[in-house]
Amino acid sequence: MSVLHRHCKLNRPLRNELALLFVVNQVIALLLTTLGGPGSLFDNVVIANAIGVLIWAQYALLNWLGLPRLLGHVIAVPVGIWGGLMLAALFGVADISGRLADPLANWRLIVSCLLLAGTATVVIVLYVRSVSDRAELAAEQRRSADAHQAETAAQLALLQAQIEPHFLFNTLANVRSLIVADPPLAQTMLDHLNGYLRASLGRTRRPRAHLADELQIVEPLLAIAAIRLQARLRYRVDVPAALRDALLPPLLLQPLVENALEHGIEAAITGGEIVVRAEATADGLLRLSVTDTGLGFTLEANGDGVGLANVRQRLASLYGEQGRLALYPNPPRGAIAELTLPLQREPQA
């Protein structure tokens, strides 16, 4: 059954072309009868189909041989008319091909045949050209999508390379200072760093992950920052268990958390709190937010940096208008970074 389905799928353009040819032939037969063609409606149906099929077969053969289109017209039309009339005679229609030799006496027949052949030729050529143009457009769209995906992946890998060394070196410097002053706390920071690195390993090789995977990166990041900033940072992750299996492109939450840390908490003398939330909306979207009560960050103050620009571009590329990143003030102080994207889960087997 599957083999037959694949065979039919491969020949669908051919079936469509033959169906169009059949319809055009019947319409032309009606026109020939109305205009006083060479015979009855039955005769004209046989003649129209014989000439139309023969012209179509010649075009297919000449195209396969690689001949120019203009040469194909010159060969296919006259041969199709003459051969079609002779072929029609085999099905019981009177052989009128000899009458084509006297154009003055049989001008109506010749005009009818040329009308038949010309119309069939135009329709078939236009159809084949439209199919070819659609196929070329689809191929170009696929090439463009592949190139854009490769570019996005390269940018994501570059962003990953920019983030991890900076974070890793700062964390190791803090661990080094804690080894003498507070060995148990240094051990705790190393444990969080180990969890962060385990979760980060290979994440850019996957086009999508789960929200739970991203939280396994964000939570150690916040835990390490809390050790470093001590009382200046409080954080909370408020994500329902029912949403942790939601599909999420990698490296979306981390830039938002890092912006909240750098521009919100670290820049504030008294520090503040960071809250990571997730909720499902009534219209089937997933809303993720990172809220801080520090100084906050805005596009006007800090610009759309590498991390935020990458997030915006990837959301637009993957989800169009359904994916967006918005920044809001968080009165009385702080900022809210909000991600919106379609809520998707792994298909059940």
Protein backbone atom coordinates (compact mmCIF):
# COMPACT_ATOMS: atom_id res chain seq x y z
CA MET A 1 0.00 0.00 0.00
CA SER A 2 2.80 2.41 0.92
CA VAL A 3 4.65 1.62 -2.32
CA LEU A 4 1.52 2.36 -4.33
CA HIS A 5 1.00 5.60 -2.39
CA ARG A 6 4.55 6.75 -3.12
CA HIS A 7 4.15 5.85 -6.80
CA CYS A 8 0.93 7.86 -7.07
CA LYS A 9 2.51 10.76 -5.24
CA LEU A 10 5.45 10.84 -7.63
CA ASN A 11 3.12 10.85 -10.68
CA ARG A 12 0.68 13.44 -9.36
CA PRO A 13 1.96 16.25 -11.69
CA LEU A 14 1.62 13.89 -14.67
CA ARG A 15 -1.93 12.95 -13.66
CA ASN A 16 -2.86 16.60 -13.29
CA GLU A 17 -1.40 17.41 -16.69
CA LEU A 18 -3.31 14.58 -18.38
CA ALA A 19 -6.53 15.59 -16.63
CA LEU A 20 -6.11 19.17 -17.88
CA LEU A 21 -5.40 17.89 -21.39
CA PHE A 22 -8.57 15.78 -21.32
CA VAL A 23 -10.73 18.72 -20.22
CA VAL A 24 -9.22 21.04 -22.85
CA ASN A 25 -9.80 18.46 -25.57
CA GLN A 26 -13.49 18.15 -24.71
CA VAL A 27 -13.94 21.92 -24.65
CA ILE A 28 -12.28 22.21 -28.06
CA ALA A 29 -14.52 19.43 -29.43
CA LEU A 30 -17.58 21.42 -28.35
CA LEU A 31 -16.15 24.54 -30.00
CA LEU A 32 -15.45 22.66 -33.23
CA THR A 33 -19.02 21.34 -33.30
CA THR A 34 -20.44 24.80 -32.61
CA LEU A 35 -18.30 26.37 -35.34
CA GLY A 36 -19.28 23.73 -37.90
CA GLY A 37 -16.29 21.46 -37.59
CA PRO A 38 -15.47 18.47 -39.81
CA GLY A 39 -18.05 16.06 -38.34
CA SER A 40 -20.52 15.25 -35.58
CA LEU A 41 -19.88 15.83 -31.88
CA PHE A 42 -18.55 12.28 -31.55
CA ASP A 43 -16.24 12.77 -34.52
CA ASN A 44 -14.95 16.06 -33.13
CA VAL A 45 -14.37 14.53 -29.68
CA VAL A 46 -12.28 11.75 -31.25
CA ILE A 47 -10.38 14.22 -33.44
CA ALA A 48 -9.74 16.66 -30.59
CA ASN A 49 -8.43 13.97 -28.27
CA ALA A 50 -6.30 12.37 -30.99
CA ILE A 51 -4.65 15.65 -32.00
CA GLY A 52 -4.30 16.88 -28.38
CA VAL A 53 -2.75 13.66 -27.11
CA LEU A 54 -0.37 13.42 -30.06
CA ILE A 55 0.81 17.02 -29.62
CA TRP A 56 1.27 16.45 -25.87
CA ALA A 57 3.24 13.24 -26.49
CA GLN A 58 5.50 15.02 -28.98
CA TYR A 59 6.20 17.84 -26.53
CA ALA A 60 7.12 15.32 -23.85
CA LEU A 61 9.46 13.51 -26.26
CA LEU A 62 11.05 16.68 -27.65
CA ASN A 63 11.53 18.06 -24.15
CA TRP A 64 13.18 14.80 -23.09
CA LEU A 65 15.49 15.07 -26.12
CA GLY A 66 16.40 18.60 -25.04
CA LEU A 67 15.28 20.39 -28.21
CA PRO A 68 14.53 24.15 -28.05
CA ARG A 69 10.91 25.12 -27.40
CA LEU A 70 10.49 27.03 -30.65
CA LEU A 71 11.63 24.01 -32.63
CA GLY A 72 9.23 21.92 -30.60
CA HIS A 73 6.34 24.16 -31.68
CA VAL A 74 7.35 23.96 -35.34
CA ILE A 75 7.48 20.16 -35.23
CA ALA A 76 4.69 19.25 -32.82
CA VAL A 77 1.81 21.34 -34.17
CA PRO A 78 1.77 20.28 -37.88
CA VAL A 79 2.72 16.69 -37.09
CA GLY A 80 0.10 16.63 -34.36
CA ILE A 81 -2.65 17.87 -36.69
CA TRP A 82 -1.81 15.48 -39.51
CA GLY A 83 -1.09 12.50 -37.32
CA GLY A 84 -4.09 13.19 -35.09
CA LEU A 85 -6.50 13.12 -38.03
CA MET A 86 -5.01 9.83 -39.21
CA LEU A 87 -5.15 8.42 -35.68
CA ALA A 88 -8.80 9.47 -35.39
CA ALA A 89 -9.53 7.52 -38.57
CA LEU A 90 -8.46 4.34 -36.78
CA PHE A 91 -11.33 4.90 -34.31
CA GLY A 92 -14.01 5.06 -37.00
CA VAL A 93 -13.84 8.73 -37.97
CA ALA A 94 -13.55 9.50 -41.67
CA ASP A 95 -9.95 10.18 -42.71
CA ILE A 96 -9.92 13.84 -43.71
CA SER A 97 -6.17 14.36 -43.53
CA GLY A 98 -5.99 14.49 -47.35
CA ARG A 99 -8.21 17.56 -47.41
CA LEU A 100 -5.43 19.58 -45.74
CA ALA A 101 -3.54 19.54 -49.06
CA ASP A 102 -6.06 21.99 -50.57
CA PRO A 103 -6.13 24.98 -48.20
CA LEU A 104 -8.36 27.18 -50.39
CA ALA A 105 -11.17 24.65 -50.66
CA ASN A 106 -10.95 23.45 -47.08
CA TRP A 107 -10.07 26.65 -45.23
CA ARG A 108 -12.72 26.01 -42.55
CA LEU A 109 -11.24 22.63 -41.73
CA ILE A 110 -7.72 24.04 -41.63
CA VAL A 111 -8.78 26.94 -39.38
CA SER A 112 -10.55 24.52 -37.08
CA CYS A 113 -7.51 22.28 -36.85
CA LEU A 114 -5.20 25.22 -36.21
CA LEU A 115 -7.59 26.46 -33.53
CA LEU A 116 -7.56 23.03 -31.95
CA ALA A 117 -3.79 22.64 -32.08
CA GLY A 118 -3.04 26.23 -31.07
CA THR A 119 -5.36 26.22 -28.08
CA ALA A 120 -4.14 22.86 -26.85
CA THR A 121 -0.53 23.96 -27.30
CA VAL A 122 -0.98 27.24 -25.43
CA VAL A 123 -2.80 25.61 -22.52
CA ILE A 124 -0.26 22.82 -22.17
CA VAL A 125 2.75 25.15 -22.46
CA LEU A 126 1.32 27.57 -19.91
CA TYR A 127 0.52 24.76 -17.51
CA VAL A 128 3.95 23.16 -17.82
CA ARG A 129 5.61 26.55 -17.40
CA SER A 130 3.54 27.31 -14.29
CA VAL A 131 4.44 23.94 -12.77
CA SER A 132 8.11 24.56 -13.56
CA ASP A 133 7.96 28.07 -12.07
CA ARG A 134 6.29 26.79 -8.89
CA ALA A 135 8.88 24.04 -8.53
CA GLU A 136 11.71 26.55 -9.04
CA LEU A 137 10.16 28.93 -6.51
CA ALA A 138 9.74 26.14 -3.96
CA ALA A 139 13.36 25.08 -4.48
CA GLU A 140 14.54 28.68 -4.05
CA GLN A 141 12.49 29.00 -0.85
CA ARG A 142 14.03 25.78 0.48
CA ARG A 143 17.54 27.02 -0.34
CA SER A 144 16.80 30.35 1.33
CA ALA A 145 15.37 28.62 4.41
CA ASP A 146 18.39 26.30 4.64
CA ALA A 147 20.78 29.23 4.33
CA HIS A 148 18.88 31.21 6.96
CA GLN A 149 18.84 28.23 9.30
CA ALA A 150 22.58 27.75 8.85
CA GLU A 151 23.19 31.44 9.51
CA THR A 152 21.02 31.37 12.63
CA ALA A 153 22.82 28.28 13.88
CA ALA A 154 26.17 29.97 13.33
CA GLN A 155 25.02 33.07 15.21
CA LEU A 156 23.72 30.90 18.04
CA ALA A 157 27.02 29.04 18.27
CA LEU A 158 28.87 32.39 18.29
CA LEU A 159 26.62 33.71 21.03
CA GLN A 160 27.14 30.52 23.02
CA ALA A 161 30.91 30.94 22.67
CA GLN A 162 30.64 34.56 23.85
CA ILE A 163 28.53 33.71 26.91
CA GLU A 164 30.15 30.59 28.35
CA PRO A 165 33.81 31.68 28.63
CA HIS A 166 32.84 34.98 30.29
CA PHE A 167 30.56 33.23 32.77
CA LEU A 168 33.01 30.36 33.35
CA PHE A 169 36.01 32.60 34.07
CA ASN A 170 34.05 34.80 36.49
CA THR A 171 32.72 31.75 38.34
CA LEU A 172 36.13 30.13 38.62
CA ALA A 173 37.58 33.38 39.94
CA ASN A 174 34.90 33.42 42.65
CA VAL A 175 35.53 29.77 43.50
CA ARG A 176 39.23 30.50 43.84
CA SER A 177 38.57 33.28 46.33
CA LEU A 178 36.14 31.12 48.30
CA ILE A 179 38.41 28.10 48.61
CA VAL A 180 40.33 29.76 51.46
CA ALA A 181 37.58 31.93 52.93
CA ASP A 182 34.65 29.46 52.83
CA PRO A 183 35.49 25.97 51.45
CA PRO A 184 31.92 24.56 51.83
CA LEU A 185 30.50 27.51 49.89
CA ALA A 186 33.19 27.04 47.22
CA GLN A 187 32.13 23.41 46.94
CA THR A 188 28.48 24.47 46.54
CA MET A 189 29.40 26.90 43.78
CA LEU A 190 31.38 24.18 42.00
CA ASP A 191 28.37 21.85 42.23
CA HIS A 192 26.16 24.52 40.62
CA LEU A 193 28.78 25.12 37.94
CA ASN A 194 28.93 21.39 37.24
CA GLY A 195 25.14 21.28 36.83
CA TYR A 196 25.24 24.28 34.52
CA LEU A 197 27.94 22.77 32.31
CA ARG A 198 26.15 19.41 32.13
CA ALA A 199 22.94 21.10 31.01
CA SER A 200 24.79 23.31 28.53
CA LEU A 201 26.67 20.47 26.86
CA GLY A 202 25.41 19.95 23.35
CA ARG A 203 22.37 22.20 23.66
CA THR A 204 23.24 24.20 20.52
CA ARG A 205 23.31 20.96 18.53
CA ARG A 206 19.59 20.48 19.15
CA PRO A 207 17.14 22.73 17.29
CA ARG A 208 14.68 22.46 20.18
CA ALA A 209 14.66 21.50 23.81
CA HIS A 210 12.12 21.44 26.60
CA LEU A 211 11.46 24.27 28.99
CA ALA A 212 12.77 22.00 31.76
CA ASP A 213 16.12 21.76 29.93
CA GLU A 214 16.41 25.54 29.80
CA LEU A 215 15.56 25.81 33.49
CA GLN A 216 18.38 23.37 34.26
CA ILE A 217 20.69 26.05 32.83
CA VAL A 218 18.98 29.12 34.28
CA GLU A 219 18.64 27.80 37.86
CA PRO A 220 22.39 27.04 38.36
CA LEU A 221 23.16 30.40 36.78
CA LEU A 222 20.98 32.17 39.34
CA ALA A 223 22.31 30.01 42.19
CA ILE A 224 25.90 30.91 41.32
CA ALA A 225 24.99 34.61 41.08
CA ALA A 226 23.25 34.40 44.47
CA ILE A 227 26.42 33.03 46.06
CA ARG A 228 28.47 35.78 44.45
CA LEU A 229 26.05 38.64 45.28
CA GLN A 230 24.86 37.13 48.60
CA ALA A 231 22.10 39.27 50.16
CA ARG A 232 21.88 41.54 47.11
CA LEU A 233 20.15 38.86 45.06
CA ARG A 234 16.97 36.91 45.72
CA TYR A 235 15.48 34.77 42.99
CA ARG A 236 12.49 32.52 42.37
CA VAL A 237 11.51 30.20 39.52
CA ASP A 238 7.73 29.98 39.22
CA VAL A 239 7.07 27.48 36.43
CA PRO A 240 4.16 24.99 36.68
CA ALA A 241 5.09 21.33 36.30
CA ALA A 242 2.54 21.02 33.47
CA LEU A 243 4.56 23.45 31.32
CA ARG A 244 8.02 22.01 31.86
CA ASP A 245 7.62 19.65 28.88
CA ALA A 246 6.83 22.54 26.49
CA LEU A 247 9.14 22.70 23.48
CA LEU A 248 11.48 25.67 23.43
CA PRO A 249 14.33 26.73 21.13
CA PRO A 250 17.60 26.67 23.11
CA LEU A 251 19.23 29.79 24.52
CA LEU A 252 16.12 31.98 24.88
CA LEU A 253 15.82 32.40 28.65
CA GLN A 254 19.49 32.70 29.53
CA PRO A 255 20.12 36.05 27.78
CA LEU A 256 17.10 37.54 29.57
CA VAL A 257 18.29 36.32 32.97
CA GLU A 258 21.81 37.61 32.31
CA ASN A 259 20.43 41.01 31.29
CA ALA A 260 18.37 41.16 34.49
CA LEU A 261 21.47 40.30 36.53
CA GLU A 262 23.83 42.70 34.79
CA HIS A 263 21.58 45.71 34.20
CA GLY A 264 19.13 45.23 37.03
CA ILE A 265 20.58 43.59 40.14
CA GLU A 266 24.32 44.21 39.87
CA ALA A 267 23.78 47.85 38.90
CA ALA A 268 21.59 48.48 41.96
CA ILE A 269 23.36 49.17 45.26
CA THR A 270 20.67 47.37 47.25
CA GLY A 271 20.26 44.56 44.71
CA GLY A 272 16.83 43.08 44.18
CA GLU A 273 14.86 40.01 43.18
CA ILE A 274 14.59 38.07 39.92
CA VAL A 275 11.51 35.98 39.18
CA VAL A 276 11.26 33.60 36.22
CA ARG A 277 7.65 32.75 35.34
CA ALA A 278 5.84 30.67 32.71
CA GLU A 279 2.15 30.51 31.86
CA ALA A 280 -0.10 29.24 29.10
CA THR A 281 -2.47 31.74 27.52
CA ALA A 282 -6.03 31.08 26.43
CA ASP A 283 -5.08 31.40 22.74
CA GLY A 284 -2.48 28.60 22.82
CA LEU A 285 0.67 30.63 23.47
CA LEU A 286 3.46 30.16 25.97
CA ARG A 287 4.42 33.31 27.88
CA LEU A 288 7.80 33.38 29.65
CA SER A 289 8.86 36.37 31.71
CA VAL A 290 11.96 37.42 33.63
CA THR A 291 11.14 40.15 36.15
CA ASP A 292 13.68 42.05 38.23
CA THR A 293 13.34 44.69 40.93
CA GLY A 294 16.72 46.26 40.33
CA LEU A 295 17.51 49.27 38.17
CA GLY A 296 16.06 47.44 35.20
CA PHE A 297 17.08 47.69 31.57
CA THR A 298 15.42 49.34 28.60
CA LEU A 299 16.15 49.49 24.91
CA GLU A 300 16.79 53.21 25.21
CA ALA A 301 19.31 52.80 28.03
CA ASN A 302 21.11 49.66 27.02
CA GLY A 303 20.34 49.02 23.39
CA ASP A 304 19.31 45.73 21.82
CA GLY A 305 22.50 43.83 22.62
CA VAL A 306 23.84 40.65 21.05
CA GLY A 307 21.71 38.39 23.26
CA LEU A 308 18.41 40.24 22.81
CA ALA A 309 18.96 40.79 19.09
CA ASN A 310 19.62 37.08 18.63
CA VAL A 311 16.47 36.19 20.58
CA ARG A 312 14.33 38.57 18.51
CA GLN A 313 15.70 37.30 15.21
CA ARG A 314 15.21 33.65 16.11
CA LEU A 315 11.65 34.21 17.35
CA ALA A 316 10.74 36.02 14.13
CA SER A 317 12.39 33.32 12.00
CA LEU A 318 10.73 30.41 13.79
CA TYR A 319 7.28 31.78 14.64
CA GLY A 320 6.67 34.96 12.64
CA GLU A 321 4.17 37.27 14.32
CA GLN A 322 3.42 34.68 17.02
CA GLY A 323 6.94 34.98 18.45
CA ARG A 324 8.04 38.20 20.12
CA LEU A 325 10.20 39.67 22.86
CA ALA A 326 8.86 42.68 24.74
CA LEU A 327 10.38 44.82 27.51
CA TYR A 328 8.26 46.59 30.12
CA PRO A 329 8.97 48.70 33.21
CA ASN A 330 8.27 47.02 36.55
CA PRO A 331 7.03 49.79 38.87
CA PRO A 332 8.22 51.01 41.28
CA ARG A 333 11.56 49.87 39.84
CA GLY A 334 12.99 47.16 37.65
CA ALA A 335 12.03 45.67 34.33
CA ILE A 336 10.09 42.81 32.80
CA ALA A 337 11.36 40.90 29.77
CA GLU A 338 8.55 38.83 28.25
CA LEU A 339 8.81 36.09 25.62
CA THR A 340 5.73 34.92 23.71
CA LEU A 341 5.72 31.91 21.38
CA PRO A 342 3.35 29.08 20.40
CA LEU A 343 2.86 26.44 23.08
CA GLN A 344 4.09 23.19 21.55
CA ARG A 345 4.74 19.73 22.94
CA GLU A 346 6.25 16.51 21.64
CA PRO A 347 3.68 14.56 19.58
CA GLN A 348 2.43 11.52 21.41
CA ALA A 349 3.30 8.16 19.90
